[in-house]
PDB file of N, CA and C in Angstrom:
ATOM      1  N   MET A   1     -72.942  23.886 -62.635  1.00  0.00           N
ATOM      2  CA  MET A   1     -72.438  23.272 -61.515  1.00  0.00           C
ATOM      3  C   MET A   1     -72.764  24.105 -60.316  1.00  0.00           C
ATOM      4  N   GLU A   2     -73.496  25.248 -60.601  1.00  0.00           N
ATOM      5  CA  GLU A   2     -73.686  26.191 -59.611  1.00  0.00           C
ATOM      6  C   GLU A   2     -74.762  25.819 -58.426  1.00  0.00           C
ATOM      7  N   TRP A   3     -75.277  24.815 -58.903  1.00  0.00           N
ATOM      8  CA  TRP A   3     -76.446  24.284 -57.890  1.00  0.00           C
ATOM      9  C   TRP A   3     -75.734  23.423 -56.741  1.00  0.00           C
ATOM     10  N   MET A   4     -74.466  22.970 -56.860  1.00  0.00           N
ATOM     11  CA  MET A   4     -73.840  22.223 -55.951  1.00  0.00           C
ATOM     12  C   MET A   4     -72.999  23.132 -55.144  1.00  0.00           C
ATOM     13  N   ALA A   5     -73.118  22.873 -53.904  1.00  0.00           N
ATOM     14  CA  ALA A   5     -72.388  23.724 -52.995  1.00  0.00           C
ATOM     15  C   ALA A   5     -71.158  23.504 -52.534  1.00  0.00           C
ATOM     16  N   TRP A   6     -70.004  23.502 -53.542  1.00  0.00           N
ATOM     17  CA  TRP A   6     -68.685  22.939 -53.434  1.00  0.00           C
ATOM     18  C   TRP A   6     -67.861  23.944 -52.491  1.00  0.00           C
ATOM     19  N   THR A   7     -67.654  23.524 -51.327  1.00  0.00           N
ATOM     20  CA  THR A   7     -66.815  24.553 -50.335  1.00  0.00           C
ATOM     21  C   THR A   7     -65.312  23.812 -50.502  1.00  0.00           C
ATOM     22  N   LEU A   8     -64.413  24.290 -49.919  1.00  0.00           N
ATOM     23  CA  LEU A   8     -62.945  23.730 -50.098  1.00  0.00           C
ATOM     24  C   LEU A   8     -63.030  22.427 -49.037  1.00  0.00           C
ATOM     25  N   PRO A   9     -63.577  22.555 -47.906  1.00  0.00           N
ATOM     26  CA  PRO A   9     -63.501  21.197 -47.152  1.00  0.00           C
ATOM     27  C   PRO A   9     -64.239  20.148 -48.134  1.00  0.00           C
ATOM     28  N   THR A  10     -65.269  20.536 -48.833  1.00  0.00           N
ATOM     29  CA  THR A  10     -65.843  19.446 -49.476  1.00  0.00           C
ATOM     30  C   THR A  10     -65.114  18.908 -50.765  1.00  0.00           C
ATOM     31  N   ALA A  11     -64.503  19.718 -51.393  1.00  0.00           N
ATOM     32  CA  ALA A  11     -63.570  19.527 -52.477  1.00  0.00           C
ATOM     33  C   ALA A  11     -62.356  18.460 -52.071  1.00  0.00           C
ATOM     34  N   LEU A  12     -61.929  19.056 -50.882  1.00  0.00           N
ATOM     35  CA  LEU A  12     -60.692  18.199 -50.364  1.00  0.00           C
ATOM     36  C   LEU A  12     -61.198  16.834 -49.971  1.00  0.00           C
ATOM     37  N   PHE A  13     -62.283  16.735 -49.422  1.00  0.00           N
ATOM     38  CA  PHE A  13     -62.782  15.255 -48.831  1.00  0.00           C
ATOM     39  C   PHE A  13     -62.899  14.572 -50.052  1.00  0.00           C
ATOM     40  N   PHE A  14     -63.724  14.873 -51.281  1.00  0.00           N
ATOM     41  CA  PHE A  14     -63.916  14.026 -52.260  1.00  0.00           C
ATOM     42  C   PHE A  14     -62.571  13.861 -53.013  1.00  0.00           C
ATOM     43  N   ALA A  15     -61.682  14.845 -53.205  1.00  0.00           N
ATOM     44  CA  ALA A  15     -60.300  14.615 -53.646  1.00  0.00           C
ATOM     45  C   ALA A  15     -59.404  13.644 -52.934  1.00  0.00           C
ATOM     46  N   ALA A  16     -59.669  13.453 -51.715  1.00  0.00           N
ATOM     47  CA  ALA A  16     -58.725  12.678 -50.704  1.00  0.00           C
ATOM     48  C   ALA A  16     -59.447  11.028 -50.843  1.00  0.00           C
ATOM     49  N   VAL A  17     -60.754  10.972 -51.017  1.00  0.00           N
ATOM     50  CA  VAL A  17     -61.277   9.838 -51.193  1.00  0.00           C
ATOM     51  C   VAL A  17     -60.958   9.344 -52.641  1.00  0.00           C
ATOM     52  N   GLY A  18     -60.824   9.992 -53.473  1.00  0.00           N
ATOM     53  CA  GLY A  18     -60.350   9.764 -55.135  1.00  0.00           C
ATOM     54  C   GLY A  18     -58.968   9.184 -55.123  1.00  0.00           C
ATOM     55  N   VAL A  19     -58.242  10.024 -54.154  1.00  0.00           N
ATOM     56  CA  VAL A  19     -56.730   9.609 -54.346  1.00  0.00           C
ATOM     57  C   VAL A  19     -56.671   8.327 -53.474  1.00  0.00           C
ATOM     58  N   LEU A  20     -57.386   8.128 -52.474  1.00  0.00           N
ATOM     59  CA  LEU A  20     -57.161   6.711 -51.701  1.00  0.00           C
ATOM     60  C   LEU A  20     -57.573   5.757 -52.577  1.00  0.00           C
ATOM     61  N   LEU A  21     -58.623   5.620 -53.272  1.00  0.00           N
ATOM     62  CA  LEU A  21     -59.186   4.818 -54.128  1.00  0.00           C
ATOM     63  C   LEU A  21     -58.115   4.514 -55.352  1.00  0.00           C
ATOM     64  N   LEU A  22     -57.631   5.478 -55.886  1.00  0.00           N
ATOM     65  CA  LEU A  22     -56.492   5.475 -56.718  1.00  0.00           C
ATOM     66  C   LEU A  22     -55.274   4.580 -56.219  1.00  0.00           C
ATOM     67  N   CYS A  23     -54.998   5.029 -55.003  1.00  0.00           N
ATOM     68  CA  CYS A  23     -53.808   4.428 -54.450  1.00  0.00           C
ATOM     69  C   CYS A  23     -54.197   2.886 -54.018  1.00  0.00           C
ATOM     70  N   MET A  24     -55.228   2.553 -53.504  1.00  0.00           N
ATOM     71  CA  MET A  24     -55.594   1.107 -53.396  1.00  0.00           C
ATOM     72  C   MET A  24     -55.763   0.422 -54.499  1.00  0.00           C
ATOM     73  N   THR A  25     -56.060   0.948 -55.565  1.00  0.00           N
ATOM     74  CA  THR A  25     -56.033   0.155 -56.787  1.00  0.00           C
ATOM     75  C   THR A  25     -54.724  -0.093 -57.235  1.00  0.00           C
ATOM     76  N   LEU A  26     -53.769   0.877 -57.367  1.00  0.00           N
ATOM     77  CA  LEU A  26     -52.347   0.683 -57.727  1.00  0.00           C
ATOM     78  C   LEU A  26     -51.673  -0.285 -56.669  1.00  0.00           C
ATOM     79  N   PHE A  27     -51.993  -0.211 -55.500  1.00  0.00           N
ATOM     80  CA  PHE A  27     -51.388  -1.167 -54.595  1.00  0.00           C
ATOM     81  C   PHE A  27     -52.078  -2.568 -54.917  1.00  0.00           C
ATOM     82  N   GLU A  28     -53.318  -2.671 -55.164  1.00  0.00           N
ATOM     83  CA  GLU A  28     -53.848  -3.890 -55.365  1.00  0.00           C
ATOM     84  C   GLU A  28     -53.390  -4.552 -56.630  1.00  0.00           C
ATOM     85  N   LEU A  29     -52.892  -3.827 -57.734  1.00  0.00           N
ATOM     86  CA  LEU A  29     -52.206  -4.402 -58.742  1.00  0.00           C
ATOM     87  C   LEU A  29     -50.860  -4.837 -58.462  1.00  0.00           C
ATOM     88  N   ARG A  30     -50.083  -3.839 -57.572  1.00  0.00           N
ATOM     89  CA  ARG A  30     -48.638  -4.327 -57.187  1.00  0.00           C
ATOM     90  C   ARG A  30     -48.694  -5.324 -56.319  1.00  0.00           C
ATOM     91  N   ARG A  31     -49.350  -5.491 -55.434  1.00  0.00           N
ATOM     92  CA  ARG A  31     -49.441  -6.575 -54.535  1.00  0.00           C
ATOM     93  C   ARG A  31     -50.823  -7.033 -54.202  1.00  0.00           C
ATOM     94  N   PRO A  32     -51.242  -8.179 -54.832  1.00  0.00           N
ATOM     95  CA  PRO A  32     -52.614  -8.741 -54.755  1.00  0.00           C
ATOM     96  C   PRO A  32     -52.992  -9.042 -53.243  1.00  0.00           C
ATOM     97  N   CYS A  33     -54.156  -8.612 -52.812  1.00  0.00           N
ATOM     98  CA  CYS A  33     -54.405  -9.044 -51.534  1.00  0.00           C
ATOM     99  C   CYS A  33     -54.756 -10.269 -51.109  1.00  0.00           C
ATOM    100  N   VAL A  34     -54.452 -10.669 -49.910  1.00  0.00           N
ATOM    101  CA  VAL A  34     -54.967 -12.059 -49.571  1.00  0.00           C
ATOM    102  C   VAL A  34     -55.801 -11.702 -48.267  1.00  0.00           C
ATOM    103  N   GLU A  35     -57.136 -12.323 -48.350  1.00  0.00           N
ATOM    104  CA  GLU A  35     -58.053 -12.191 -47.261  1.00  0.00           C
ATOM    105  C   GLU A  35     -57.685 -12.665 -45.995  1.00  0.00           C
ATOM    106  N   ARG A  36     -57.835 -11.898 -44.871  1.00  0.00           N
ATOM    107  CA  ARG A  36     -57.455 -12.477 -43.609  1.00  0.00           C
ATOM    108  C   ARG A  36     -58.431 -11.937 -42.415  1.00  0.00           C
ATOM    109  N   ARG A  37     -58.243 -12.487 -41.416  1.00  0.00           N
ATOM    110  CA  ARG A  37     -59.161 -12.208 -40.154  1.00  0.00           C
ATOM    111  C   ARG A  37     -58.423 -11.446 -39.119  1.00  0.00           C
ATOM    112  N   GLY A  38     -59.076 -10.297 -38.911  1.00  0.00           N
ATOM    113  CA  GLY A  38     -58.548  -9.598 -37.753  1.00  0.00           C
ATOM    114  C   GLY A  38     -59.641  -9.331 -36.411  1.00  0.00           C
ATOM    115  N   PHE A  39     -59.542  -8.161 -35.998  1.00  0.00           N
ATOM    116  CA  PHE A  39     -60.704  -8.010 -34.939  1.00  0.00           C
ATOM    117  C   PHE A  39     -62.042  -7.898 -35.539  1.00  0.00           C
ATOM    118  N   LEU A  40     -62.292  -7.762 -36.615  1.00  0.00           N
ATOM    119  CA  LEU A  40     -63.553  -7.592 -37.484  1.00  0.00           C
ATOM    120  C   LEU A  40     -64.012  -8.996 -37.317  1.00  0.00           C
ATOM    121  N   PRO A  41     -65.651  -9.425 -37.226  1.00  0.00           N
ATOM    122  CA  PRO A  41     -66.078 -10.621 -36.982  1.00  0.00           C
ATOM    123  C   PRO A  41     -66.093 -11.382 -38.542  1.00  0.00           C
ATOM    124  N   ILE A  42     -65.437 -10.773 -39.430  1.00  0.00           N
ATOM    125  CA  ILE A  42     -65.533 -11.318 -40.654  1.00  0.00           C
ATOM    126  C   ILE A  42     -64.332 -11.642 -41.359  1.00  0.00           C
ATOM    127  N   VAL A  43     -64.082 -12.399 -42.492  1.00  0.00           N
ATOM    128  CA  VAL A  43     -62.842 -12.368 -43.218  1.00  0.00           C
ATOM    129  C   VAL A  43     -62.985 -11.249 -44.373  1.00  0.00           C
ATOM    130  N   THR A  44     -61.780 -10.480 -44.200  1.00  0.00           N
ATOM    131  CA  THR A  44     -62.056  -9.209 -45.149  1.00  0.00           C
ATOM    132  C   THR A  44     -60.588  -9.111 -46.060  1.00  0.00           C
ATOM    133  N   SER A  45     -60.819  -8.309 -47.203  1.00  0.00           N
ATOM    134  CA  SER A  45     -59.928  -7.938 -47.975  1.00  0.00           C
ATOM    135  C   SER A  45     -59.466  -6.554 -47.587  1.00  0.00           C
ATOM    136  N   ARG A  46     -58.440  -5.992 -48.200  1.00  0.00           N
ATOM    137  CA  ARG A  46     -58.156  -4.764 -48.171  1.00  0.00           C
ATOM    138  C   ARG A  46     -59.257  -3.642 -48.560  1.00  0.00           C
ATOM    139  N   GLY A  47     -59.889  -4.140 -49.557  1.00  0.00           N
ATOM    140  CA  GLY A  47     -61.005  -3.078 -49.960  1.00  0.00           C
ATOM    141  C   GLY A  47     -62.239  -3.208 -49.203  1.00  0.00           C
ATOM    142  N   ASP A  48     -62.416  -4.388 -48.355  1.00  0.00           N
ATOM    143  CA  ASP A  48     -63.438  -4.507 -47.406  1.00  0.00           C
ATOM    144  C   ASP A  48     -63.263  -3.593 -46.461  1.00  0.00           C
ATOM    145  N   ARG A  49     -62.007  -3.518 -45.796  1.00  0.00           N
ATOM    146  CA  ARG A  49     -61.561  -2.944 -44.689  1.00  0.00           C
ATOM    147  C   ARG A  49     -61.653  -1.255 -44.961  1.00  0.00           C
ATOM    148  N   LEU A  50     -61.293  -0.950 -46.209  1.00  0.00           N
ATOM    149  CA  LEU A  50     -61.479   0.478 -46.767  1.00  0.00           C
ATOM    150  C   LEU A  50     -62.913   0.996 -46.431  1.00  0.00           C
ATOM    151  N   PHE A  51     -63.797  -0.053 -47.169  1.00  0.00           N
ATOM    152  CA  PHE A  51     -65.078   0.399 -47.177  1.00  0.00           C
ATOM    153  C   PHE A  51     -65.827   0.453 -45.835  1.00  0.00           C
ATOM    154  N   ILE A  52     -65.376  -0.428 -44.861  1.00  0.00           N
ATOM    155  CA  ILE A  52     -65.870  -0.448 -43.450  1.00  0.00           C
ATOM    156  C   ILE A  52     -65.366   0.799 -42.703  1.00  0.00           C
ATOM    157  N   GLY A  53     -64.184   1.066 -42.995  1.00  0.00           N
ATOM    158  CA  GLY A  53     -63.628   2.443 -42.428  1.00  0.00           C
ATOM    159  C   GLY A  53     -64.297   3.480 -42.823  1.00  0.00           C
ATOM    160  N   LEU A  54     -64.411   3.730 -44.090  1.00  0.00           N
ATOM    161  CA  LEU A  54     -65.051   4.856 -44.682  1.00  0.00           C
ATOM    162  C   LEU A  54     -66.317   5.030 -44.179  1.00  0.00           C
ATOM    163  N   LEU A  55     -67.144   4.072 -44.187  1.00  0.00           N
ATOM    164  CA  LEU A  55     -68.361   3.927 -43.471  1.00  0.00           C
ATOM    165  C   LEU A  55     -68.753   4.230 -42.094  1.00  0.00           C
ATOM    166  N   ALA A  56     -67.895   3.760 -41.220  1.00  0.00           N
ATOM    167  CA  ALA A  56     -67.676   4.045 -39.957  1.00  0.00           C
ATOM    168  C   ALA A  56     -67.368   5.390 -39.714  1.00  0.00           C
ATOM    169  N   SER A  57     -66.306   5.978 -40.547  1.00  0.00           N
ATOM    170  CA  SER A  57     -65.964   7.299 -40.512  1.00  0.00           C
ATOM    171  C   SER A  57     -67.177   8.479 -40.758  1.00  0.00           C
ATOM    172  N   ALA A  58     -67.869   7.880 -41.641  1.00  0.00           N
ATOM    173  CA  ALA A  58     -69.247   8.739 -41.946  1.00  0.00           C
ATOM    174  C   ALA A  58     -70.190   8.876 -40.865  1.00  0.00           C
ATOM    175  N   TYR A  59     -70.289   7.569 -40.133  1.00  0.00           N
ATOM    176  CA  TYR A  59     -71.182   7.767 -38.921  1.00  0.00           C
ATOM    177  C   TYR A  59     -70.609   8.426 -37.828  1.00  0.00           C
ATOM    178  N   LEU A  60     -69.387   8.338 -37.875  1.00  0.00           N
ATOM    179  CA  LEU A  60     -68.594   8.940 -36.576  1.00  0.00           C
ATOM    180  C   LEU A  60     -68.793  10.665 -36.745  1.00  0.00           C
ATOM    181  N   HIS A  61     -68.732  11.085 -38.032  1.00  0.00           N
ATOM    182  CA  HIS A  61     -68.842  12.524 -38.269  1.00  0.00           C
ATOM    183  C   HIS A  61     -70.337  13.001 -37.810  1.00  0.00           C
ATOM    184  N   LEU A  62     -71.372  12.203 -38.243  1.00  0.00           N
ATOM    185  CA  LEU A  62     -72.776  12.226 -38.061  1.00  0.00           C
ATOM    186  C   LEU A  62     -72.807  12.547 -36.453  1.00  0.00           C
ATOM    187  N   LEU A  63     -72.120  11.762 -35.637  1.00  0.00           N
ATOM    188  CA  LEU A  63     -72.362  11.629 -34.312  1.00  0.00           C
ATOM    189  C   LEU A  63     -71.851  12.942 -33.844  1.00  0.00           C
ATOM    190  N   VAL A  64     -70.634  13.235 -34.280  1.00  0.00           N
ATOM    191  CA  VAL A  64     -69.894  14.508 -33.579  1.00  0.00           C
ATOM    192  C   VAL A  64     -70.957  15.604 -33.996  1.00  0.00           C
ATOM    193  N   VAL A  65     -71.304  15.936 -35.181  1.00  0.00           N
ATOM    194  CA  VAL A  65     -72.208  16.896 -35.641  1.00  0.00           C
ATOM    195  C   VAL A  65     -73.556  16.873 -34.802  1.00  0.00           C
ATOM    196  N   GLY A  66     -73.821  15.635 -34.627  1.00  0.00           N
ATOM    197  CA  GLY A  66     -75.463  15.573 -33.984  1.00  0.00           C
ATOM    198  C   GLY A  66     -75.322  15.687 -32.658  1.00  0.00           C
ATOM    199  N   LEU A  67     -74.457  15.360 -31.859  1.00  0.00           N
ATOM    200  CA  LEU A  67     -74.465  14.994 -30.374  1.00  0.00           C
ATOM    201  C   LEU A  67     -73.473  15.907 -29.566  1.00  0.00           C
ATOM    202  N   SER A  68     -72.554  16.634 -30.317  1.00  0.00           N
ATOM    203  CA  SER A  68     -71.592  17.469 -29.648  1.00  0.00           C
ATOM    204  C   SER A  68     -71.415  18.860 -30.222  1.00  0.00           C
ATOM    205  N   ASP A  69     -70.794  19.755 -29.414  1.00  0.00           N
ATOM    206  CA  ASP A  69     -70.308  21.085 -30.240  1.00  0.00           C
ATOM    207  C   ASP A  69     -69.073  20.988 -30.664  1.00  0.00           C
ATOM    208  N   TRP A  70     -68.157  19.754 -30.717  1.00  0.00           N
ATOM    209  CA  TRP A  70     -66.842  19.886 -31.092  1.00  0.00           C
ATOM    210  C   TRP A  70     -66.612  20.205 -32.557  1.00  0.00           C
ATOM    211  N   PRO A  71     -65.581  20.888 -33.020  1.00  0.00           N
ATOM    212  CA  PRO A  71     -65.220  21.241 -34.311  1.00  0.00           C
ATOM    213  C   PRO A  71     -65.139  20.025 -35.221  1.00  0.00           C
ATOM    214  N   LEU A  72     -65.485  20.092 -36.709  1.00  0.00           N
ATOM    215  CA  LEU A  72     -65.427  19.210 -37.167  1.00  0.00           C
ATOM    216  C   LEU A  72     -64.144  18.420 -37.635  1.00  0.00           C
ATOM    217  N   TRP A  73     -63.021  19.131 -37.388  1.00  0.00           N
ATOM    218  CA  TRP A  73     -61.466  18.604 -37.772  1.00  0.00           C
ATOM    219  C   TRP A  73     -61.528  17.704 -36.551  1.00  0.00           C
ATOM    220  N   VAL A  74     -62.152  17.737 -35.237  1.00  0.00           N
ATOM    221  CA  VAL A  74     -61.974  16.590 -34.404  1.00  0.00           C
ATOM    222  C   VAL A  74     -62.349  15.279 -34.912  1.00  0.00           C
ATOM    223  N   ALA A  75     -63.594  15.326 -35.423  1.00  0.00           N
ATOM    224  CA  ALA A  75     -64.285  14.078 -35.901  1.00  0.00           C
ATOM    225  C   ALA A  75     -63.363  13.660 -37.258  1.00  0.00           C
ATOM    226  N   SER A  76     -62.745  14.537 -38.062  1.00  0.00           N
ATOM    227  CA  SER A  76     -61.795  13.954 -39.058  1.00  0.00           C
ATOM    228  C   SER A  76     -60.628  13.218 -38.553  1.00  0.00           C
ATOM    229  N   LEU A  77     -59.984  13.821 -37.541  1.00  0.00           N
ATOM    230  CA  LEU A  77     -58.812  13.208 -36.994  1.00  0.00           C
ATOM    231  C   LEU A  77     -59.205  11.792 -36.252  1.00  0.00           C
ATOM    232  N   LEU A  78     -60.438  11.747 -35.627  1.00  0.00           N
ATOM    233  CA  LEU A  78     -60.842  10.521 -34.985  1.00  0.00           C
ATOM    234  C   LEU A  78     -61.134   9.523 -36.088  1.00  0.00           C
ATOM    235  N   SER A  79     -61.815  10.074 -37.316  1.00  0.00           N
ATOM    236  CA  SER A  79     -62.133   9.045 -38.211  1.00  0.00           C
ATOM    237  C   SER A  79     -60.637   8.623 -38.948  1.00  0.00           C
ATOM    238  N   LEU A  80     -59.740   9.507 -39.134  1.00  0.00           N
ATOM    239  CA  LEU A  80     -58.574   9.075 -39.676  1.00  0.00           C
ATOM    240  C   LEU A  80     -57.855   8.145 -38.803  1.00  0.00           C
ATOM    241  N   GLY A  81     -57.927   8.183 -37.541  1.00  0.00           N
ATOM    242  CA  GLY A  81     -57.404   7.096 -36.874  1.00  0.00           C
ATOM    243  C   GLY A  81     -58.064   5.817 -36.792  1.00  0.00           C
ATOM    244  N   TRP A  82     -59.448   6.002 -36.891  1.00  0.00           N
ATOM    245  CA  TRP A  82     -60.041   4.765 -36.845  1.00  0.00           C
ATOM    246  C   TRP A  82     -59.896   3.965 -38.210  1.00  0.00           C
ATOM    247  N   LEU A  83     -59.848   4.649 -39.301  1.00  0.00           N
ATOM    248  CA  LEU A  83     -59.427   4.072 -40.515  1.00  0.00           C
ATOM    249  C   LEU A  83     -58.118   3.387 -40.496  1.00  0.00           C
ATOM    250  N   VAL A  84     -57.144   4.086 -39.809  1.00  0.00           N
ATOM    251  CA  VAL A  84     -55.899   3.433 -39.873  1.00  0.00           C
ATOM    252  C   VAL A  84     -56.036   2.190 -39.140  1.00  0.00           C
ATOM    253  N   VAL A  85     -56.613   2.184 -37.973  1.00  0.00           N
ATOM    254  CA  VAL A  85     -56.786   0.878 -37.033  1.00  0.00           C
ATOM    255  C   VAL A  85     -57.577  -0.162 -37.984  1.00  0.00           C
ATOM    256  N   VAL A  86     -58.591   0.080 -38.526  1.00  0.00           N
ATOM    257  CA  VAL A  86     -59.242  -0.794 -39.358  1.00  0.00           C
ATOM    258  C   VAL A  86     -58.420  -1.293 -40.587  1.00  0.00           C
ATOM    259  N   MET A  87     -57.819  -0.694 -41.085  1.00  0.00           N
ATOM    260  CA  MET A  87     -56.937  -1.056 -42.385  1.00  0.00           C
ATOM    261  C   MET A  87     -55.756  -1.881 -41.787  1.00  0.00           C
ATOM    262  N   ARG A  88     -55.298  -1.600 -40.656  1.00  0.00           N
ATOM    263  CA  ARG A  88     -54.120  -2.359 -40.013  1.00  0.00           C
ATOM    264  C   ARG A  88     -54.303  -3.649 -39.433  1.00  0.00           C
ATOM    265  N   TRP A  89     -55.290  -3.641 -38.256  1.00  0.00           N
ATOM    266  CA  TRP A  89     -55.691  -4.659 -37.702  1.00  0.00           C
ATOM    267  C   TRP A  89     -57.010  -5.282 -37.753  1.00  0.00           C
ATOM    268  N   GLY A  90     -57.895  -4.774 -38.874  1.00  0.00           N
ATOM    269  CA  GLY A  90     -59.188  -5.332 -38.804  1.00  0.00           C
ATOM    270  C   GLY A  90     -59.253  -6.237 -39.629  1.00  0.00           C
TER     271      GLY A  90
END
């Protein structure tokens, strides 16, 4: 695995995504999801909103890295906030 550049932030990111998917799976088994309509223009399930939130977070990180000189943790905090908004009201 030495060809992969596993830094601590990279490992923490993938661990967090793995834990998030595990929690979503357990939550889905405990309380099955009912599709609903929020501010997103489509009817979504919990998994749909998670995917949309993660995808938007990736684009937000790319925008911060490409268009500003902000530290990466700012993009991470913005992404976490966006993910919470999408999961709650999306």
